[in-house]
Amino acid sequence: MAEVTPAALLDLLARSLVDEPDQVQVTEVPEGEGELVLELEVAEDDLGRVIGRGGRVANALRSVVRASATQSGQRILVDILD
């Protein structure tokens, strides 16, 4: 089984949530030693779907992506851009 990067996982999850999957963009921004910020951009109308009520969907996305990165020893932060 091929290993999926945290950025690819975030992209896949975000595309499955939104109405306009072609508008999803994930950008990797290195921040320091072993730390990587994944910036997620979606269409303006899909922002609520990615954040969710009370931020529940956003927190779930962050948890899943962070968990996938721990096996490779990376520290990942997910930033949802508005």
C-alpha atoms as a PDB file:
ATOM      1  CA  MET A   1       0.000   0.000   0.000  1.00  0.00           C
ATOM      2  CA  ALA A   2       1.374   3.385  -0.995  1.00  0.00           C
ATOM      3  CA  GLU A   3       1.997   5.896   1.766  1.00  0.00           C
ATOM      4  CA  VAL A   4      -0.278   8.938   1.658  1.00  0.00           C
ATOM      5  CA  THR A   5       1.262  12.270   2.637  1.00  0.00           C
ATOM      6  CA  PRO A   6      -0.568  14.481   5.155  1.00  0.00           C
ATOM      7  CA  ALA A   7      -1.110  17.104   2.420  1.00  0.00           C
ATOM      8  CA  ALA A   8      -2.662  14.527   0.072  1.00  0.00           C
ATOM      9  CA  LEU A   9      -4.869  13.243   2.897  1.00  0.00           C
ATOM     10  CA  LEU A  10      -6.093  16.759   3.721  1.00  0.00           C
ATOM     11  CA  ASP A  11      -6.773  17.390   0.038  1.00  0.00           C
ATOM     12  CA  LEU A  12      -8.767  14.164  -0.288  1.00  0.00           C
ATOM     13  CA  LEU A  13     -10.818  14.820   2.849  1.00  0.00           C
ATOM     14  CA  ALA A  14     -11.541  18.447   1.941  1.00  0.00           C
ATOM     15  CA  ARG A  15     -12.597  17.558  -1.612  1.00  0.00           C
ATOM     16  CA  SER A  16     -15.069  15.007  -0.243  1.00  0.00           C
ATOM     17  CA  LEU A  17     -16.714  17.673   1.944  1.00  0.00           C
ATOM     18  CA  VAL A  18     -17.210  20.558  -0.481  1.00  0.00           C
ATOM     19  CA  ASP A  19     -19.521  21.316  -3.416  1.00  0.00           C
ATOM     20  CA  GLU A  20     -16.674  22.715  -5.553  1.00  0.00           C
ATOM     21  CA  PRO A  21     -13.798  20.210  -5.202  1.00  0.00           C
ATOM     22  CA  ASP A  22     -11.828  21.822  -8.034  1.00  0.00           C
ATOM     23  CA  GLN A  23     -11.439  24.941  -5.835  1.00  0.00           C
ATOM     24  CA  VAL A  24      -9.618  23.034  -3.054  1.00  0.00           C
ATOM     25  CA  GLN A  25      -5.938  23.929  -2.670  1.00  0.00           C
ATOM     26  CA  VAL A  26      -3.499  22.643  -0.075  1.00  0.00           C
ATOM     27  CA  THR A  27      -0.187  24.481   0.257  1.00  0.00           C
ATOM     28  CA  GLU A  28       2.746  23.215   2.317  1.00  0.00           C
ATOM     29  CA  VAL A  29       4.613  25.915   4.249  1.00  0.00           C
ATOM     30  CA  PRO A  30       7.705  24.762   6.202  1.00  0.00           C
ATOM     31  CA  GLU A  31       7.864  26.541   9.555  1.00  0.00           C
ATOM     32  CA  GLY A  32      10.900  25.247  11.372  1.00  0.00           C
ATOM     33  CA  GLU A  33      12.554  22.080  12.534  1.00  0.00           C
ATOM     34  CA  GLY A  34      10.170  19.270  11.735  1.00  0.00           C
ATOM     35  CA  GLU A  35       7.131  21.551  11.595  1.00  0.00           C
ATOM     36  CA  LEU A  36       4.937  21.977   8.545  1.00  0.00           C
ATOM     37  CA  VAL A  37       1.854  24.157   8.090  1.00  0.00           C
ATOM     38  CA  LEU A  38      -0.749  22.955   5.621  1.00  0.00           C
ATOM     39  CA  GLU A  39      -2.832  25.858   4.366  1.00  0.00           C
ATOM     40  CA  LEU A  40      -6.259  24.808   3.112  1.00  0.00           C
ATOM     41  CA  GLU A  41      -8.146  27.049   0.705  1.00  0.00           C
ATOM     42  CA  VAL A  42     -11.684  26.314  -0.477  1.00  0.00           C
ATOM     43  CA  ALA A  43     -14.374  28.241  -2.345  1.00  0.00           C
ATOM     44  CA  GLU A  44     -16.034  30.927  -0.220  1.00  0.00           C
ATOM     45  CA  ASP A  45     -19.376  29.091  -0.290  1.00  0.00           C
ATOM     46  CA  ASP A  46     -17.713  25.889   0.997  1.00  0.00           C
ATOM     47  CA  LEU A  47     -15.933  27.468   3.946  1.00  0.00           C
ATOM     48  CA  GLY A  48     -18.772  26.641   6.341  1.00  0.00           C
ATOM     49  CA  ARG A  49     -18.725  22.985   5.298  1.00  0.00           C
ATOM     50  CA  VAL A  50     -15.009  22.687   6.044  1.00  0.00           C
ATOM     51  CA  ILE A  51     -15.242  24.478   9.384  1.00  0.00           C
ATOM     52  CA  GLY A  52     -18.501  22.911  10.548  1.00  0.00           C
ATOM     53  CA  ARG A  53     -20.770  23.881  13.385  1.00  0.00           C
ATOM     54  CA  GLY A  54     -18.643  25.096  16.259  1.00  0.00           C
ATOM     55  CA  GLY A  55     -15.492  24.150  14.356  1.00  0.00           C
ATOM     56  CA  ARG A  56     -16.107  20.422  14.761  1.00  0.00           C
ATOM     57  CA  VAL A  57     -15.254  19.475  11.172  1.00  0.00           C
ATOM     58  CA  ALA A  58     -12.113  21.632  11.201  1.00  0.00           C
ATOM     59  CA  ASN A  59     -10.976  20.030  14.461  1.00  0.00           C
ATOM     60  CA  ALA A  60     -11.628  16.551  13.065  1.00  0.00           C
ATOM     61  CA  LEU A  61      -9.623  17.347   9.917  1.00  0.00           C
ATOM     62  CA  ARG A  62      -6.753  18.627  12.038  1.00  0.00           C
ATOM     63  CA  SER A  63      -6.798  15.525  14.251  1.00  0.00           C
ATOM     64  CA  VAL A  64      -6.778  13.053  11.361  1.00  0.00           C
ATOM     65  CA  VAL A  65      -4.013  14.864   9.476  1.00  0.00           C
ATOM     66  CA  ARG A  66      -1.912  15.257  12.631  1.00  0.00           C
ATOM     67  CA  ALA A  67      -2.334  11.555  13.431  1.00  0.00           C
ATOM     68  CA  SER A  68      -1.217  10.577   9.933  1.00  0.00           C
ATOM     69  CA  ALA A  69       1.927  12.674  10.321  1.00  0.00           C
ATOM     70  CA  THR A  70       3.025  11.260  13.674  1.00  0.00           C
ATOM     71  CA  GLN A  71       4.192   8.022  12.057  1.00  0.00           C
ATOM     72  CA  SER A  72       6.720   9.961  10.005  1.00  0.00           C
ATOM     73  CA  GLY A  73       7.760  12.103  12.980  1.00  0.00           C
ATOM     74  CA  GLN A  74       6.436  15.339  11.490  1.00  0.00           C
ATOM     75  CA  ARG A  75       4.562  18.034  13.351  1.00  0.00           C
ATOM     76  CA  ILE A  76       1.691  19.283  11.206  1.00  0.00           C
ATOM     77  CA  LEU A  77      -0.535  22.314  11.694  1.00  0.00           C
ATOM     78  CA  VAL A  78      -3.625  22.833   9.520  1.00  0.00           C
ATOM     79  CA  ASP A  79      -4.616  26.414   8.765  1.00  0.00           C
ATOM     80  CA  ILE A  80      -7.936  27.013   7.002  1.00  0.00           C
ATOM     81  CA  LEU A  81      -7.695  30.213   4.992  1.00  0.00           C
ATOM     82  CA  ASP A  82     -10.735  32.411   4.541  1.00  0.00           C
END
